[in-house]
Amino acid sequence: MSGRLPSGVLVSAMLRRVNDAGGLGTVLARGDAQAGAILVITREKGINPSAWERGIGPDGNSALLQVGPQTTDNEAEIADYWQRRRARDPDLWVIELDIAQAKRFAAETIAEG
């Protein structure tokens, strides 16, 4: 048995933390409540989206890794990326966070969860 918290619990915690801090957290696609991967789209004031996912960092520990398009004007590319991922993996959660330091909220919740 894994010591990791279920994906649904991690998503709920992350959304609650962001909303409590005055940001906006939205579920774009609901995945498997127990073991679905979590893809987080981060924004600040509605712009500059980036995609992040839990993975293994260079030190061998759980970390939040940037995935998908990494250009500055990538609105459509990010949407296309997560929709393609979701089509291949229906268990994938897709969450959008719009708050200053959104990556920090995601990392503190899902990389350490």
N, C-alpha and C. Protein backbone atom coordinates (compact mmCIF):
# COMPACT_ATOMS: atom_id res chain seq x y z
N MET A 1 0.84 -1.19 0.00
CA MET A 1 0.00 0.00 0.00
C MET A 1 0.88 1.25 0.00
N SER A 2 0.50 2.20 -0.82
CA SER A 2 1.27 3.44 -0.97
C SER A 2 0.96 4.40 0.17
N GLY A 3 1.95 5.23 0.53
CA GLY A 3 1.75 6.24 1.55
C GLY A 3 1.24 7.55 0.98
N ARG A 4 1.01 7.59 -0.34
CA ARG A 4 0.54 8.81 -0.98
C ARG A 4 -0.95 9.02 -0.74
N LEU A 5 -1.31 10.29 -0.59
CA LEU A 5 -2.72 10.63 -0.44
C LEU A 5 -3.43 10.46 -1.78
N PRO A 6 -4.73 10.13 -1.76
CA PRO A 6 -5.48 10.01 -3.01
C PRO A 6 -5.49 11.33 -3.78
N SER A 7 -5.51 11.24 -5.09
CA SER A 7 -5.47 12.43 -5.96
C SER A 7 -6.61 13.40 -5.64
N GLY A 8 -7.80 12.88 -5.40
CA GLY A 8 -8.94 13.75 -5.10
C GLY A 8 -8.72 14.58 -3.85
N VAL A 9 -8.07 14.02 -2.85
CA VAL A 9 -7.77 14.74 -1.61
C VAL A 9 -6.75 15.83 -1.88
N LEU A 10 -5.70 15.51 -2.66
CA LEU A 10 -4.68 16.51 -2.98
C LEU A 10 -5.27 17.67 -3.77
N VAL A 11 -6.12 17.36 -4.73
CA VAL A 11 -6.75 18.42 -5.54
C VAL A 11 -7.62 19.31 -4.64
N SER A 12 -8.42 18.71 -3.80
CA SER A 12 -9.28 19.49 -2.89
C SER A 12 -8.46 20.39 -1.99
N ALA A 13 -7.37 19.87 -1.45
CA ALA A 13 -6.51 20.67 -0.57
C ALA A 13 -5.88 21.83 -1.32
N MET A 14 -5.40 21.57 -2.53
CA MET A 14 -4.77 22.62 -3.31
C MET A 14 -5.78 23.72 -3.66
N LEU A 15 -6.95 23.34 -4.10
CA LEU A 15 -7.98 24.33 -4.45
C LEU A 15 -8.39 25.16 -3.24
N ARG A 16 -8.54 24.50 -2.11
CA ARG A 16 -8.93 25.22 -0.89
C ARG A 16 -7.85 26.22 -0.48
N ARG A 17 -6.58 25.81 -0.54
CA ARG A 17 -5.48 26.72 -0.17
C ARG A 17 -5.43 27.93 -1.08
N VAL A 18 -5.57 27.71 -2.39
CA VAL A 18 -5.52 28.81 -3.35
C VAL A 18 -6.71 29.75 -3.16
N ASN A 19 -7.90 29.18 -3.02
CA ASN A 19 -9.09 30.01 -2.82
C ASN A 19 -9.03 30.77 -1.50
N ASP A 20 -8.53 30.14 -0.45
CA ASP A 20 -8.39 30.82 0.85
C ASP A 20 -7.38 31.97 0.79
N ALA A 21 -6.41 31.87 -0.12
CA ALA A 21 -5.38 32.91 -0.26
C ALA A 21 -5.82 34.02 -1.22
N GLY A 22 -7.05 33.95 -1.71
CA GLY A 22 -7.57 34.99 -2.58
C GLY A 22 -7.39 34.74 -4.07
N GLY A 23 -6.93 33.55 -4.42
CA GLY A 23 -6.76 33.20 -5.83
C GLY A 23 -7.96 32.43 -6.34
N LEU A 24 -7.84 31.93 -7.54
CA LEU A 24 -8.90 31.17 -8.17
C LEU A 24 -8.34 29.81 -8.57
N GLY A 25 -8.97 28.77 -8.10
CA GLY A 25 -8.61 27.41 -8.47
C GLY A 25 -9.80 26.73 -9.12
N THR A 26 -9.57 26.11 -10.28
CA THR A 26 -10.65 25.52 -11.05
C THR A 26 -10.27 24.13 -11.52
N VAL A 27 -11.23 23.21 -11.50
CA VAL A 27 -11.03 21.88 -12.06
C VAL A 27 -11.46 21.95 -13.52
N LEU A 28 -10.52 21.77 -14.45
CA LEU A 28 -10.84 21.75 -15.88
C LEU A 28 -11.26 20.36 -16.33
N ALA A 29 -10.72 19.33 -15.67
CA ALA A 29 -11.08 17.94 -15.97
C ALA A 29 -10.88 17.11 -14.71
N ARG A 30 -11.90 16.36 -14.35
CA ARG A 30 -11.85 15.53 -13.15
C ARG A 30 -11.29 14.15 -13.51
N GLY A 31 -10.29 13.72 -12.77
CA GLY A 31 -9.65 12.44 -13.02
C GLY A 31 -10.05 11.40 -11.98
N ASP A 32 -9.28 10.33 -11.94
CA ASP A 32 -9.53 9.26 -10.98
C ASP A 32 -9.27 9.76 -9.56
N ALA A 33 -10.24 9.55 -8.68
CA ALA A 33 -10.16 10.08 -7.32
C ALA A 33 -9.03 9.45 -6.50
N GLN A 34 -8.63 8.23 -6.84
CA GLN A 34 -7.62 7.55 -6.05
C GLN A 34 -6.20 7.77 -6.57
N ALA A 35 -6.01 7.53 -7.87
CA ALA A 35 -4.63 7.49 -8.37
C ALA A 35 -4.40 8.28 -9.65
N GLY A 36 -5.31 9.15 -10.03
CA GLY A 36 -5.11 9.92 -11.26
C GLY A 36 -3.95 10.88 -11.14
N ALA A 37 -3.22 11.04 -12.23
CA ALA A 37 -2.15 12.04 -12.27
C ALA A 37 -2.79 13.42 -12.22
N ILE A 38 -2.02 14.41 -11.75
CA ILE A 38 -2.54 15.77 -11.63
C ILE A 38 -1.67 16.70 -12.46
N LEU A 39 -2.30 17.34 -13.45
CA LEU A 39 -1.64 18.33 -14.29
C LEU A 39 -2.16 19.69 -13.83
N VAL A 40 -1.25 20.59 -13.50
CA VAL A 40 -1.64 21.91 -12.99
C VAL A 40 -1.23 22.98 -14.00
N ILE A 41 -2.20 23.79 -14.41
CA ILE A 41 -1.94 24.94 -15.26
C ILE A 41 -1.87 26.15 -14.33
N THR A 42 -0.73 26.83 -14.31
CA THR A 42 -0.58 27.98 -13.43
C THR A 42 -0.65 29.27 -14.25
N ARG A 43 -1.23 30.28 -13.64
CA ARG A 43 -1.34 31.61 -14.25
C ARG A 43 -1.17 32.65 -13.15
N GLU A 44 -0.87 33.86 -13.58
CA GLU A 44 -0.89 34.99 -12.66
C GLU A 44 -1.64 36.12 -13.35
N LYS A 45 -2.76 36.52 -12.76
CA LYS A 45 -3.64 37.54 -13.33
C LYS A 45 -4.13 37.15 -14.72
N GLY A 46 -4.39 35.85 -14.90
CA GLY A 46 -4.96 35.36 -16.13
C GLY A 46 -4.01 35.20 -17.30
N ILE A 47 -2.73 35.47 -17.11
CA ILE A 47 -1.78 35.39 -18.23
C ILE A 47 -0.62 34.45 -17.91
N ASN A 48 0.21 34.23 -18.91
CA ASN A 48 1.43 33.42 -18.79
C ASN A 48 1.17 32.01 -18.24
N PRO A 49 0.36 31.21 -18.94
CA PRO A 49 0.11 29.86 -18.44
C PRO A 49 1.34 28.96 -18.57
N SER A 50 1.50 28.09 -17.60
CA SER A 50 2.54 27.06 -17.61
C SER A 50 1.91 25.78 -17.11
N ALA A 51 2.40 24.64 -17.57
CA ALA A 51 1.87 23.35 -17.14
C ALA A 51 2.91 22.64 -16.28
N TRP A 52 2.43 22.03 -15.19
CA TRP A 52 3.29 21.37 -14.21
C TRP A 52 2.69 20.03 -13.82
N GLU A 53 3.57 19.08 -13.48
CA GLU A 53 3.11 17.77 -13.06
C GLU A 53 4.10 17.17 -12.07
N ARG A 54 3.58 16.36 -11.16
CA ARG A 54 4.46 15.70 -10.19
C ARG A 54 5.30 14.65 -10.91
N GLY A 55 6.57 14.64 -10.59
CA GLY A 55 7.49 13.67 -11.15
C GLY A 55 8.64 13.46 -10.19
N ILE A 56 9.68 12.85 -10.68
CA ILE A 56 10.88 12.59 -9.86
C ILE A 56 11.94 13.62 -10.24
N GLY A 57 12.39 14.39 -9.26
CA GLY A 57 13.41 15.41 -9.48
C GLY A 57 14.80 14.81 -9.57
N PRO A 58 15.80 15.63 -9.84
CA PRO A 58 17.18 15.15 -9.99
C PRO A 58 17.73 14.50 -8.72
N ASP A 59 17.15 14.85 -7.58
CA ASP A 59 17.62 14.26 -6.31
C ASP A 59 16.91 12.96 -5.97
N GLY A 60 16.01 12.50 -6.86
CA GLY A 60 15.29 11.25 -6.63
C GLY A 60 14.03 11.41 -5.83
N ASN A 61 13.73 12.62 -5.37
CA ASN A 61 12.52 12.86 -4.59
C ASN A 61 11.41 13.41 -5.48
N SER A 62 10.19 13.34 -4.97
CA SER A 62 9.04 13.88 -5.68
C SER A 62 9.22 15.38 -5.87
N ALA A 63 8.92 15.86 -7.09
CA ALA A 63 9.09 17.28 -7.41
C ALA A 63 8.03 17.69 -8.42
N LEU A 64 7.82 18.97 -8.55
CA LEU A 64 6.91 19.51 -9.54
C LEU A 64 7.75 19.88 -10.77
N LEU A 65 7.44 19.26 -11.90
CA LEU A 65 8.22 19.44 -13.12
C LEU A 65 7.40 20.17 -14.17
N GLN A 66 8.03 21.10 -14.88
CA GLN A 66 7.33 21.80 -15.95
C GLN A 66 7.22 20.86 -17.15
N VAL A 67 6.01 20.81 -17.74
CA VAL A 67 5.74 19.96 -18.89
C VAL A 67 5.06 20.78 -19.97
N GLY A 68 4.97 20.23 -21.16
CA GLY A 68 4.24 20.90 -22.23
C GLY A 68 5.01 22.07 -22.81
N PRO A 69 4.30 22.91 -23.59
CA PRO A 69 4.93 24.05 -24.24
C PRO A 69 5.50 25.02 -23.22
N GLN A 70 6.67 25.59 -23.52
CA GLN A 70 7.31 26.49 -22.57
C GLN A 70 7.70 27.81 -23.22
N THR A 71 6.82 28.30 -24.09
CA THR A 71 7.04 29.61 -24.70
C THR A 71 6.25 30.65 -23.92
N THR A 72 6.49 31.92 -24.19
CA THR A 72 5.81 32.96 -23.42
C THR A 72 4.39 33.22 -23.91
N ASP A 73 4.11 33.03 -25.19
CA ASP A 73 2.77 33.27 -25.72
C ASP A 73 2.18 31.93 -26.15
N ASN A 74 1.74 31.14 -25.18
CA ASN A 74 1.39 29.75 -25.45
C ASN A 74 -0.03 29.38 -25.04
N GLU A 75 -0.93 30.33 -25.03
CA GLU A 75 -2.30 30.08 -24.57
C GLU A 75 -2.93 28.87 -25.28
N ALA A 76 -2.95 28.90 -26.61
CA ALA A 76 -3.55 27.81 -27.38
C ALA A 76 -2.74 26.53 -27.25
N GLU A 77 -1.42 26.65 -27.19
CA GLU A 77 -0.57 25.47 -27.08
C GLU A 77 -0.80 24.73 -25.77
N ILE A 78 -0.96 25.47 -24.68
CA ILE A 78 -1.23 24.84 -23.38
C ILE A 78 -2.57 24.11 -23.41
N ALA A 79 -3.60 24.77 -23.95
CA ALA A 79 -4.93 24.14 -24.04
C ALA A 79 -4.86 22.88 -24.89
N ASP A 80 -4.19 22.95 -26.02
CA ASP A 80 -4.05 21.79 -26.89
C ASP A 80 -3.28 20.68 -26.17
N TYR A 81 -2.23 21.05 -25.46
CA TYR A 81 -1.42 20.06 -24.73
C TYR A 81 -2.25 19.29 -23.71
N TRP A 82 -2.98 20.00 -22.84
CA TRP A 82 -3.70 19.27 -21.80
C TRP A 82 -4.87 18.48 -22.38
N GLN A 83 -5.48 18.96 -23.44
CA GLN A 83 -6.58 18.22 -24.05
C GLN A 83 -6.09 16.93 -24.72
N ARG A 84 -4.92 16.98 -25.35
CA ARG A 84 -4.32 15.76 -25.92
C ARG A 84 -3.97 14.77 -24.81
N ARG A 85 -3.37 15.28 -23.74
CA ARG A 85 -3.03 14.41 -22.60
C ARG A 85 -4.26 13.75 -22.01
N ARG A 86 -5.30 14.54 -21.86
CA ARG A 86 -6.55 14.04 -21.27
C ARG A 86 -7.20 12.99 -22.18
N ALA A 87 -7.11 13.17 -23.50
CA ALA A 87 -7.68 12.20 -24.44
C ALA A 87 -6.99 10.84 -24.31
N ARG A 88 -5.68 10.86 -24.00
CA ARG A 88 -4.92 9.61 -23.83
C ARG A 88 -5.03 9.04 -22.42
N ASP A 89 -5.36 9.89 -21.46
CA ASP A 89 -5.41 9.44 -20.06
C ASP A 89 -6.66 10.02 -19.39
N PRO A 90 -7.79 9.29 -19.46
CA PRO A 90 -9.02 9.81 -18.87
C PRO A 90 -8.99 9.91 -17.34
N ASP A 91 -7.97 9.34 -16.70
CA ASP A 91 -7.82 9.45 -15.25
C ASP A 91 -7.10 10.72 -14.82
N LEU A 92 -6.61 11.50 -15.78
CA LEU A 92 -5.83 12.71 -15.51
C LEU A 92 -6.71 13.84 -14.97
N TRP A 93 -6.29 14.43 -13.87
CA TRP A 93 -6.90 15.66 -13.36
C TRP A 93 -6.22 16.83 -14.04
N VAL A 94 -6.99 17.84 -14.43
CA VAL A 94 -6.42 19.06 -14.98
C VAL A 94 -6.96 20.21 -14.14
N ILE A 95 -6.06 20.90 -13.47
CA ILE A 95 -6.42 21.96 -12.53
C ILE A 95 -5.78 23.26 -13.01
N GLU A 96 -6.52 24.35 -12.88
CA GLU A 96 -5.97 25.66 -13.22
C GLU A 96 -5.93 26.51 -11.96
N LEU A 97 -4.78 27.12 -11.71
CA LEU A 97 -4.60 28.00 -10.56
C LEU A 97 -4.23 29.38 -11.06
N ASP A 98 -4.94 30.39 -10.61
CA ASP A 98 -4.63 31.78 -10.98
C ASP A 98 -4.40 32.56 -9.69
N ILE A 99 -3.12 32.69 -9.35
CA ILE A 99 -2.71 33.35 -8.12
C ILE A 99 -1.21 33.64 -8.22
N ALA A 100 -0.75 34.64 -7.54
CA ALA A 100 0.69 34.89 -7.49
C ALA A 100 1.37 33.67 -6.87
N GLN A 101 2.47 33.27 -7.41
CA GLN A 101 3.24 32.12 -6.94
C GLN A 101 2.43 30.82 -7.00
N ALA A 102 1.68 30.65 -8.08
CA ALA A 102 0.83 29.45 -8.23
C ALA A 102 1.66 28.17 -8.19
N LYS A 103 2.86 28.20 -8.76
CA LYS A 103 3.70 27.00 -8.74
C LYS A 103 4.01 26.58 -7.30
N ARG A 104 4.22 27.55 -6.43
CA ARG A 104 4.51 27.23 -5.03
C ARG A 104 3.33 26.50 -4.38
N PHE A 105 2.11 26.98 -4.63
CA PHE A 105 0.93 26.31 -4.07
C PHE A 105 0.83 24.87 -4.57
N ALA A 106 1.06 24.68 -5.86
CA ALA A 106 1.00 23.34 -6.42
C ALA A 106 2.09 22.45 -5.85
N ALA A 107 3.30 22.95 -5.80
CA ALA A 107 4.43 22.16 -5.29
C ALA A 107 4.23 21.76 -3.83
N GLU A 108 3.80 22.70 -3.02
CA GLU A 108 3.61 22.41 -1.59
C GLU A 108 2.50 21.40 -1.36
N THR A 109 1.56 21.30 -2.29
CA THR A 109 0.45 20.39 -2.11
C THR A 109 0.68 19.04 -2.76
N ILE A 110 0.98 19.03 -4.06
CA ILE A 110 1.05 17.74 -4.74
C ILE A 110 2.43 17.12 -4.78
N ALA A 111 3.48 17.91 -4.75
CA ALA A 111 4.82 17.31 -4.78
C ALA A 111 5.18 16.72 -3.42
N GLU A 112 4.60 17.28 -2.38
CA GLU A 112 4.90 16.79 -1.03
C GLU A 112 3.79 15.90 -0.49
N GLY A 113 2.67 15.82 -1.22
CA GLY A 113 1.49 15.07 -0.75
C GLY A 113 1.64 13.59 -0.86
